Every structure is written in C-alpha cells, then in structure tokens.
Protein backbone atom coordinates (compact mmCIF):
# COMPACT_ATOMS: atom_id res chain seq x y z
CA MET A 1 93.86 86.93 79.92
CA GLN A 2 93.59 90.32 78.16
CA ASN A 3 96.34 92.22 79.96
CA GLN A 4 95.79 95.39 77.93
CA ARG A 5 92.15 95.56 79.00
CA LEU A 6 93.05 95.25 82.68
CA ASP A 7 95.90 97.74 82.26
CA ALA A 8 93.47 100.25 80.74
CA ILE A 9 90.98 99.84 83.58
CA LEU A 10 93.67 100.51 86.17
CA GLU A 11 94.98 103.54 84.27
CA SER A 12 91.50 105.03 83.97
CA HIS A 13 91.08 105.21 87.76
CA VAL A 14 94.38 106.84 88.80
CA ALA A 15 95.40 110.49 88.80
CA VAL A 16 97.69 111.54 85.97
CA GLY A 17 98.60 115.02 87.21
CA GLU A 18 97.85 117.05 90.32
CA GLU A 19 94.07 116.69 90.03
CA THR A 20 92.90 113.78 92.21
CA LYS A 21 89.12 114.32 92.18
CA ASP A 22 87.43 110.92 91.92
CA LYS A 23 90.77 109.25 91.26
CA LEU A 24 93.23 107.07 93.16
CA LEU A 25 96.91 107.83 93.52
CA GLY A 26 97.77 104.27 92.55
CA ALA A 27 96.64 100.66 92.49
CA ALA A 28 98.00 97.17 91.87
CA PHE A 29 96.03 94.11 90.78
CA CYS A 30 97.12 90.47 90.69
CA VAL A 31 95.29 87.36 89.45
CA VAL A 32 96.66 83.84 89.95
CA ASN A 33 95.71 80.22 89.46
CA LYS A 34 97.34 77.06 90.75
CA ASP A 35 99.99 77.21 88.03
CA GLY A 36 101.10 80.78 88.61
CA ILE A 37 100.42 84.36 87.61
CA LEU A 38 97.60 85.13 85.18
CA TYR A 39 97.97 88.88 85.52
CA GLN A 40 100.06 91.39 87.45
CA GLY A 41 99.58 95.05 86.75
CA SER A 42 99.59 98.48 88.33
CA ALA A 43 99.07 102.15 87.62
CA GLY A 44 99.65 105.52 89.25
CA ARG A 45 102.08 106.64 91.93
CA ILE A 46 102.72 106.01 95.64
CA ASP A 47 102.43 109.60 96.93
CA LEU A 48 100.75 112.92 96.16
CA PRO A 49 103.60 114.71 94.31
CA VAL A 50 103.36 113.98 90.59
CA ASN A 51 107.03 112.98 90.49
CA SER A 52 106.56 110.27 93.16
CA ALA A 53 107.72 106.73 92.48
CA PRO A 54 105.34 104.58 90.42
CA PHE A 55 102.83 102.35 92.20
CA THR A 56 103.82 98.78 91.31
CA THR A 57 102.92 95.26 92.39
CA ARG A 58 105.92 95.57 94.73
CA SER A 59 104.71 98.76 96.43
CA PHE A 60 104.64 98.28 100.19
CA THR A 61 101.54 99.15 102.20
CA TRP A 62 99.47 98.29 105.25
CA ILE A 63 97.11 95.52 104.17
CA ALA A 64 94.84 95.74 107.23
CA SER A 65 92.25 92.96 107.29
CA MET A 66 93.94 90.98 104.53
CA THR A 67 95.91 89.84 107.57
CA LYS A 68 92.96 87.79 108.81
CA ILE A 69 93.20 85.03 106.21
CA VAL A 70 96.98 84.71 106.77
CA THR A 71 96.41 84.38 110.52
CA ALA A 72 93.66 81.84 109.86
CA ALA A 73 96.07 79.77 107.76
CA ALA A 74 98.63 79.82 110.59
CA VAL A 75 95.92 78.69 113.03
CA MET A 76 94.85 75.87 110.73
CA GLN A 77 98.47 74.71 110.45
CA GLU A 78 98.51 74.40 114.24
CA VAL A 79 95.20 72.53 114.08
CA GLU A 80 96.85 70.11 111.65
CA ARG A 81 99.67 69.60 114.16
CA GLY A 82 97.09 68.51 116.72
CA THR A 83 97.82 71.17 119.34
CA LEU A 84 94.58 73.09 118.76
CA GLY A 85 90.99 72.12 118.01
CA LEU A 86 88.52 74.32 116.17
CA ASP A 87 85.87 73.58 118.77
CA GLN A 88 88.24 73.77 121.74
CA ASP A 89 87.56 76.43 124.38
CA MET A 90 90.27 79.08 124.06
CA ARG A 91 89.69 80.66 127.49
CA PRO A 92 92.24 78.42 129.27
CA LEU A 93 94.87 79.50 126.72
CA VAL A 94 94.06 83.22 126.77
CA PRO A 95 93.25 84.66 130.22
CA GLN A 96 91.70 87.83 128.78
CA LEU A 97 89.00 85.77 127.04
CA ALA A 98 88.10 84.12 130.35
CA ARG A 99 87.52 87.53 131.93
CA MET A 100 85.22 88.90 129.23
CA GLU A 101 81.65 89.67 130.26
CA ILE A 102 78.57 90.20 128.09
CA LEU A 103 77.36 93.76 127.56
CA ARG A 104 73.59 93.79 128.01
CA GLY A 105 72.98 97.54 127.86
CA PHE A 106 73.25 100.60 130.06
CA GLN A 107 71.43 101.75 133.18
CA GLU A 108 68.94 104.52 132.49
CA ALA A 109 69.75 106.43 135.66
CA ASP A 110 73.50 106.86 135.36
CA GLY A 111 74.49 105.27 132.04
CA LYS A 112 76.64 102.62 133.67
CA PRO A 113 77.17 99.48 131.57
CA VAL A 114 75.07 96.43 132.44
CA LEU A 115 77.41 93.43 132.30
CA GLU A 116 76.86 89.77 133.05
CA PRO A 117 79.37 86.92 133.33
CA ASN A 118 79.92 84.70 130.32
CA ALA A 119 79.61 81.00 131.12
CA ASP A 120 79.94 79.69 127.55
CA PRO A 121 83.10 78.48 125.79
CA ILE A 122 84.80 80.78 123.31
CA THR A 123 86.07 78.36 120.67
CA MET A 124 88.63 78.86 117.95
CA ARG A 125 85.84 78.42 115.40
CA HIS A 126 83.97 81.30 117.06
CA LEU A 127 87.06 83.51 116.82
CA LEU A 128 87.71 82.67 113.16
CA THR A 129 84.11 83.18 112.04
CA HIS A 130 83.20 86.33 114.03
CA THR A 131 80.63 84.46 116.09
CA ALA A 132 82.30 84.92 119.51
CA GLY A 133 80.45 88.17 120.22
CA LEU A 134 83.54 90.37 119.88
CA GLY A 135 83.32 93.74 118.16
CA TYR A 136 85.49 96.71 117.18
CA ASP A 137 85.26 99.57 119.66
CA LYS A 138 85.82 102.21 116.97
CA ALA A 139 83.08 100.83 114.71
CA ASP A 140 80.47 99.78 117.28
CA PRO A 141 78.44 102.53 119.02
CA GLU A 142 77.64 100.29 121.99
CA LEU A 143 81.29 99.43 122.60
CA ALA A 144 82.27 103.06 122.10
CA ARG A 145 79.70 104.03 124.73
CA TRP A 146 81.05 101.35 127.07
CA SER A 147 84.61 102.62 126.57
CA GLU A 148 83.56 106.15 127.48
CA ALA A 149 81.50 105.00 130.47
CA VAL A 150 84.40 103.11 132.04
CA GLY A 151 87.01 105.77 131.24
CA ARG A 152 88.92 103.52 128.89
CA THR A 153 91.73 105.13 126.90
CA ALA A 154 92.95 102.09 124.95
CA SER A 155 91.40 101.24 121.58
CA VAL A 156 91.73 98.71 118.80
CA TYR A 157 93.99 101.16 116.95
CA ASP A 158 96.65 100.64 119.63
CA PHE A 159 97.31 97.06 118.51
CA SER A 160 97.51 96.10 122.18
CA LEU A 161 95.74 93.46 124.26
CA ASP A 162 94.04 96.21 126.27
CA GLY A 163 92.88 97.74 123.01
CA PHE A 164 91.45 94.44 121.77
CA ALA A 165 89.73 93.65 125.10
CA THR A 166 86.04 94.60 125.19
CA PRO A 167 82.88 93.00 126.53
CA LEU A 168 81.08 90.50 124.32
CA ARG A 169 78.03 91.74 122.43
CA PHE A 170 76.21 88.43 122.87
CA PRO A 171 76.90 84.94 124.27
CA PRO A 172 79.52 83.13 122.18
CA GLY A 173 78.05 81.25 119.24
CA SER A 174 74.65 82.94 119.33
CA GLY A 175 75.13 85.52 116.58
CA TRP A 176 77.53 87.15 114.11
CA TRP A 177 79.38 90.43 114.67
CA TYR A 178 82.57 91.68 113.06
CA GLY A 179 85.37 92.28 115.52
CA THR A 180 88.67 91.30 117.10
CA GLY A 181 88.25 87.53 116.90
CA LEU A 182 91.36 87.06 114.76
CA ASP A 183 93.45 89.14 117.15
CA TRP A 184 92.52 86.76 119.98
CA ALA A 185 92.95 83.75 117.69
CA ALA A 186 96.52 84.98 117.19
CA GLU A 187 97.09 85.01 120.95
CA ALA A 188 95.63 81.51 121.28
CA VAL A 189 97.69 79.98 118.48
CA ALA A 190 100.85 81.59 119.89
CA ALA A 191 100.08 80.10 123.32
CA ALA A 192 99.47 76.65 121.82
CA ALA A 193 102.67 76.79 119.78
CA SER A 194 104.65 77.97 122.81
CA ALA A 195 103.40 74.98 124.80
CA ARG A 196 104.26 72.63 121.94
CA ARG A 197 107.78 73.99 121.59
CA GLY A 198 108.51 74.66 125.23
CA ALA A 199 109.61 78.18 124.31
CA GLU A 200 107.88 81.49 123.74
CA THR A 201 106.49 81.66 120.22
CA ARG A 202 104.78 84.64 118.63
CA LEU A 203 102.36 84.83 115.73
CA ALA A 204 105.11 86.46 113.68
CA ASP A 205 107.35 83.42 114.27
CA LEU A 206 104.69 80.99 113.06
CA VAL A 207 103.76 83.07 110.03
CA GLN A 208 107.39 83.58 109.02
CA GLU A 209 108.42 79.94 109.43
CA SER A 210 105.39 78.25 107.86
CA ILE A 211 104.00 80.78 105.37
CA LEU A 212 106.14 83.80 104.48
CA GLY A 213 109.48 82.01 104.34
CA PRO A 214 108.39 78.96 102.32
CA LEU A 215 106.43 81.12 99.86
CA GLY A 216 109.16 83.72 99.40
CA MET A 217 107.00 86.57 100.74
CA ARG A 218 110.00 88.75 101.59
CA SER A 219 108.11 92.05 101.72
CA THR A 220 105.47 90.95 104.23
CA THR A 221 105.88 91.86 107.90
CA PHE A 222 104.15 93.01 111.08
CA TYR A 223 106.79 95.73 111.52
CA SER A 224 106.89 98.37 108.78
CA LEU A 225 110.04 100.01 110.16
CA ARG A 226 112.07 96.79 110.17
CA VAL A 227 112.46 96.47 106.41
CA SER A 228 115.22 97.07 103.90
CA ASP A 229 115.81 100.48 102.35
CA ASP A 230 114.43 99.24 99.02
CA ILE A 231 111.15 98.19 100.62
CA ARG A 232 110.96 101.39 102.68
CA ARG A 233 111.35 103.50 99.53
CA SER A 234 108.37 101.69 97.98
CA LYS A 235 106.05 102.46 100.92
CA VAL A 236 102.68 103.84 99.83
CA ALA A 237 101.49 107.12 101.36
CA ASN A 238 98.20 107.12 103.26
CA ALA A 239 95.62 108.90 101.12
CA TYR A 240 92.41 110.40 102.49
CA ARG A 241 89.49 111.37 100.27
CA ASP A 242 87.50 114.49 101.11
CA PRO A 243 83.85 113.39 100.94
CA GLU A 244 82.80 116.86 99.78
CA THR A 245 85.31 117.44 96.98
CA GLY A 246 86.35 113.87 96.13
CA ARG A 247 89.99 114.96 96.21
CA LEU A 248 92.88 113.27 98.01
CA SER A 249 95.28 114.46 100.68
CA ILE A 250 97.99 112.67 102.64
CA GLY A 251 97.83 111.99 106.37
CA PRO A 252 99.13 109.70 109.12
CA LEU A 253 97.83 106.24 109.96
CA ALA A 254 96.14 105.74 113.31
CA ILE A 255 98.09 102.54 114.04
CA PRO A 256 101.50 102.40 115.79
CA ALA A 257 104.69 102.01 113.77
CA GLU A 258 106.00 99.56 116.39
CA PRO A 259 102.91 97.71 117.66
CA PRO A 260 102.96 96.23 121.18
CA VAL A 261 101.53 92.95 119.85
CA GLN A 262 101.13 91.44 116.42
CA SER A 263 97.55 92.02 115.33
CA GLY A 264 96.21 88.83 113.80
CA GLY A 265 93.28 90.80 112.48
CA ALA A 266 94.96 93.75 110.80
CA GLY A 267 98.69 93.90 111.50
CA LEU A 268 100.45 92.95 108.27
CA TRP A 269 102.19 95.12 105.71
CA ALA A 270 102.81 93.60 102.29
CA THR A 271 102.76 94.00 98.52
CA CYS A 272 100.30 92.82 95.90
CA GLU A 273 102.98 90.51 94.50
CA ASP A 274 103.58 88.92 97.90
CA PHE A 275 99.91 88.49 98.69
CA SER A 276 99.26 86.83 95.34
CA LYS A 277 101.84 84.19 96.35
CA PHE A 278 99.74 83.45 99.42
CA LEU A 279 96.51 83.25 97.43
CA ARG A 280 98.13 80.87 94.94
CA ALA A 281 99.32 78.72 97.85
CA LEU A 282 95.72 78.38 99.04
CA LEU A 283 94.66 77.29 95.55
CA VAL A 284 97.51 74.76 95.36
CA SER A 285 96.70 73.53 98.87
CA SER A 286 93.06 72.98 97.92
CA LEU A 287 94.05 70.31 95.38
CA PRO A 288 94.13 66.62 96.33
CA GLU A 289 97.57 65.62 97.60
CA ALA A 290 97.74 62.60 95.29
CA GLY A 291 99.40 63.54 92.03
CA THR A 292 100.05 67.14 93.08
CA ASP A 293 103.47 68.71 93.48
CA ALA A 294 104.00 69.63 97.14
CA ALA A 295 105.77 72.86 96.18
CA GLY A 296 103.73 75.83 97.31
CA ARG A 297 101.41 73.77 99.51
CA ILE A 298 100.92 75.22 103.00
CA LEU A 299 97.88 73.23 104.17
CA LYS A 300 96.21 69.89 103.57
CA SER A 301 93.42 69.85 101.01
CA GLU A 302 90.83 68.88 103.61
CA THR A 303 91.93 71.85 105.73
CA VAL A 304 91.37 74.31 102.88
CA ALA A 305 88.02 72.65 102.19
CA GLU A 306 87.06 73.32 105.81
CA MET A 307 88.15 76.95 105.51
CA LEU A 308 86.00 77.41 102.40
CA ARG A 309 83.00 75.59 103.89
CA PRO A 310 80.03 77.66 105.09
CA GLN A 311 80.38 77.63 108.88
CA LEU A 312 77.33 79.47 110.18
CA SER A 313 74.18 78.10 111.76
CA ASP A 314 70.84 79.45 110.54
CA ARG A 315 70.73 81.90 113.45
CA GLN A 316 74.27 83.11 112.85
CA ARG A 317 73.62 83.45 109.12
CA GLU A 318 70.52 85.54 109.76
CA ALA A 319 72.67 87.87 111.84
CA LEU A 320 75.29 88.05 109.08
CA GLN A 321 72.67 88.87 106.45
CA SER A 322 71.21 91.55 108.73
CA VAL A 323 74.58 93.21 109.36
CA THR A 324 75.69 93.11 105.73
CA GLY A 325 72.28 94.31 104.61
CA GLU A 326 72.50 97.40 106.81
CA ALA A 327 76.14 98.05 105.88
CA HIS A 328 75.92 96.84 102.27
CA ASP A 329 77.96 99.58 100.61
CA SER A 330 80.87 99.29 103.03
CA MET A 331 80.90 95.51 103.47
CA VAL A 332 79.57 93.76 100.36
CA PRO A 333 79.06 96.18 97.44
CA GLU A 334 80.16 93.45 95.00
CA PHE A 335 76.94 91.53 95.72
CA GLU A 336 73.28 92.30 95.29
CA LYS A 337 71.50 92.92 98.58
CA THR A 338 69.58 89.67 98.01
CA THR A 339 72.70 87.51 97.48
CA PRO A 340 72.70 84.71 100.08
CA LEU A 341 75.87 84.80 102.18
CA ASN A 342 77.63 82.66 104.75
CA HIS A 343 81.02 82.79 106.43
CA GLY A 344 84.02 80.49 106.24
CA ILE A 345 87.43 80.58 107.97
CA SER A 346 87.87 83.52 107.66
CA GLY A 347 85.87 85.32 105.03
CA ILE A 348 82.41 85.86 103.58
CA ILE A 349 81.18 83.22 101.14
CA ASN A 350 78.60 83.99 98.45
CA LEU A 351 76.20 81.05 98.15
CA ALA A 352 74.98 82.01 94.67
CA ASP A 353 76.80 82.93 91.47
CA VAL A 354 77.32 86.66 90.99
CA PRO A 355 76.28 87.44 87.38
CA SER A 356 79.33 88.10 85.17
CA LYS A 357 81.58 87.77 88.22
CA ARG A 358 82.61 85.18 90.81
CA LYS A 359 81.02 81.77 91.24
CA ALA A 360 79.06 80.47 94.22
CA GLY A 361 81.37 79.23 96.96
CA SER A 362 83.94 82.01 96.53
CA MET A 363 85.36 83.60 99.66
CA MET A 364 86.57 87.14 100.39
CA TRP A 365 86.80 89.76 103.12
CA LYS A 366 86.96 93.49 103.64
CA GLY A 367 89.40 95.88 105.29
CA PHE A 368 90.16 99.34 106.55
CA THR A 369 92.09 100.92 103.66
CA ASN A 370 89.74 99.86 100.84
CA GLY A 371 92.27 97.89 98.85
CA GLN A 372 92.31 94.88 101.12
CA TRP A 373 89.40 92.57 101.88
CA ALA A 374 87.26 95.62 101.23
CA SER A 375 85.49 97.25 98.35
CA SER A 376 88.37 95.71 96.44
CA PRO A 377 88.55 92.31 98.10
CA PRO A 378 90.93 89.60 97.22
CA TRP A 379 88.72 86.69 96.36
CA ILE A 380 89.26 82.97 96.06
CA ASP A 381 87.06 81.21 93.51
CA PRO A 382 87.70 77.48 93.78
CA LYS A 383 85.25 76.63 90.97
CA ALA A 384 86.96 78.91 88.46
CA GLY A 385 90.33 78.04 89.97
CA ILE A 386 91.52 81.63 90.38
CA ALA A 387 92.26 84.11 93.14
CA ALA A 388 92.83 87.86 92.94
CA ALA A 389 93.89 90.86 95.01
CA LEU A 390 93.53 94.58 94.42
CA VAL A 391 95.84 96.71 96.57
CA VAL A 392 95.28 100.43 97.16
CA ASN A 393 95.64 102.70 100.18
CA VAL A 394 92.83 105.21 100.61
CA LEU A 395 90.48 106.20 103.43
CA PRO A 396 87.71 106.39 104.50
CA GLN A 397 86.02 103.11 103.76
CA PRO A 398 84.05 102.55 101.56
CA ASP A 399 85.67 104.49 98.75
CA PRO A 400 83.39 104.82 95.69
CA VAL A 401 86.30 104.96 93.26
CA VAL A 402 87.71 101.67 94.56
CA THR A 403 84.27 100.06 94.47
CA LYS A 404 83.89 100.98 90.79
CA LEU A 405 87.46 99.96 89.93
CA HIS A 406 87.11 96.57 91.54
CA ASP A 407 83.79 95.90 89.81
CA GLU A 408 85.27 96.68 86.39
CA LEU A 409 88.36 94.56 87.02
CA GLU A 410 86.39 91.56 88.24
CA ARG A 411 84.01 91.69 85.29
CA ALA A 412 86.95 91.89 82.88
CA VAL A 413 88.67 88.90 84.51
CA TYR A 414 85.60 86.68 84.21
CA ARG A 415 84.88 87.89 80.67
CA ASP A 416 88.29 86.56 79.68
CA LEU A 417 87.70 83.26 81.47
CA THR A 418 84.41 82.55 79.64
C-alpha cells in the first residue's frame, strides 16, 4: 500500500497554522487485513493552538456510534453462549421496553400525543437493525415534539435510561428508523449475562472481558475520566465548524463525563489504533475455524457471517432507502443515491459495488462526530479482505471536509489493491 500517497492526502486536509477554514485540526486513518496493519497514519494536531500535541493513531477521542458495532459483537458473543436469541422478545429482560407505546400523532385541539399500546415483541434483531421503531429524540422532530408536550427534560445526550426511553415510531419490525436500539440491546445483554452469572454484570464488564482485554485495546473505555495520564494528555479537543466561515472553534461535548449508564449506541472513547484491532478481529473471526489460528478471534465465523448478512425485509429496506435518500449527505455520501442498501448487525450494507471503492457486501455505519461511522465510516469489506477507520472529531455532522477526505482515502486504498 502506498503509504506516502495516503500520508499526503491526510496532510492536505489538516490546518498547518492558525487558519482552519475548510480544514481539520487532525485526523488518523488505519487500514487492516486479517494478517495485520496495512496502513496507520495521521496528520495535524489535537487542539486549536498551533503548538498542540500532534494528532496520532493513539489520540484519544469520543468515537460515538462506532460503539454500536462493538456492542453488537458483545451481544453476539452472548448469543453464542446460548443465553440470548436474536428473535427472542427482549421486553421480559428490559422493563422499559415493555412499557413503550407507539406514537401515532398529536391531537389537533391541544397538541397532546396520541399513543397506543404496543402488543408486538421487540426482539434483539429489531434492536440491532434499527427496526424496533426507536428513534433519537434530538434528531427526530416527532419525538422532540412529544418530549416538549409531556414536559420531558431528559434526552439521549444524558446517557441515561430516561434519556433513551421514548415512544416507538411504528410497531416493532414494520419499518426502519435510526435510534436507540443499541442502547437497549446493551441493557438486554447485561440482564442476560447477569442471569447467567448470578451476579450483576454491566455492558462494560462484557466488553472488557471478551473484546477489549483479549485484543489489547487498552485505550478504549466508556469513562473518559478514568484513564491514565498518558491517555488523558492525548485527548482530542471537540472542534466545531462555523457553517458560514468554514473555520473551527473549540467547545464542550453535550454528553456527560461520567455517564449514568454505558451507552451501547454511542458511549465509547478510543483511538484509531485500538479500533483497528477490533476491525481486524472481525476479519479474523470471519474466516473458517479450520486451519485458522484462534489468536484474535472474538466470534465464530458463522456469527460474523450473520452480522454481515442483509437482515431487512422488503418493507424495512424500502424504509431504509427512503430515509437514506432524504438524508443522503449526512448518512451515506460515499454512495450514489441509487446504490441499493440493506442493513446488517449493526451497519449499512451496500448491495452493489461502489466504483473505484468498496465491494458489494461491505458494511459500515455513521456517527455524531464525523470521524466515526459517519462521513468517514470505518468499513469492513469481506470480499477485498480489508477494514478501515478514519478518526476525527468535528461537529456538526455532516462535515464537508471529512466527506472529501474520506472519499480520497478510500479511492487511494482501492487503487493500491487493484
């Protein structure tokens, strides 16, 4: 792989001095295959002052919705243990799911929400594929209106169960809508593991014992304050781009430093280097067990095959295509608007080759700070046998600079492979 070409692309998109117009402060990019690292590179700095520490593949940042695929792997490990089923109703395990009603609209006279009971199961598959009917209150006008109507003060940004709890947008299994499914999947897998062990078990316990620890992901955590001084010094500042000027400033994150619960949908902090270890583990785990070294394997090959399999019914897929069509630039700018899509566990799958880029059957996702499963998604391409992650920290999403950077990097990677 042409490291100099990738280095040059990264360098061309980061600020050199004080001027940040149409630039990033920093970025890190990692590409792996089953055998190890194909590329690790970075450029820029971690904060606004020009003398800030360099942005490296070990720079520590909130990875937002990159968390979802890690949570999904922990869930699938529990499925392999036989304590959970993908098509098992999760309502008996998670009382809040059992209490959720379906939002049907609002009364014209007084604006009160129109809610009806939900009689249908909410399965783990629904939660992992965003087909349960759950949404994000801060990104969904209907849920925002419901929150205001009922005087709700909690929100998804709280990383609390009250913040994750909203009405369903449709009966479970009848559509596709991006939301808090992985946060509730985290609660369900923790409940199942607690019952199996006979002791309280949290998502963080499962992830640490079965994923982070075995893979040596020492800089990945749900708690950004509970890290070593070395990791804390590498923490990336939260950059915000002014949509009028294109310049960057630094501001606080909306999420709590010490979250009440571990968000399975967006709670992890990590580094590009650490996350590439996880992506490589998925590639290794996708290989047949026979004749394959068990080192680095975190799941059975048939489990990874299920994760990468298109999961949606025709009706659900139509809903996915509709949502991604309307929100193309923020959700799927790496694809043409006509690219057929589906959803696996837990990420979007392109059903056709993307010219000069990833192959059909690749999976990725998007996230809040642009450098996660976002305009710069990590992607897993089982046909080409590679996986990649671009890590930045800039808001709002989508960021046009990140979109362009990711496109150039992905094209360069596949040019070298062919």
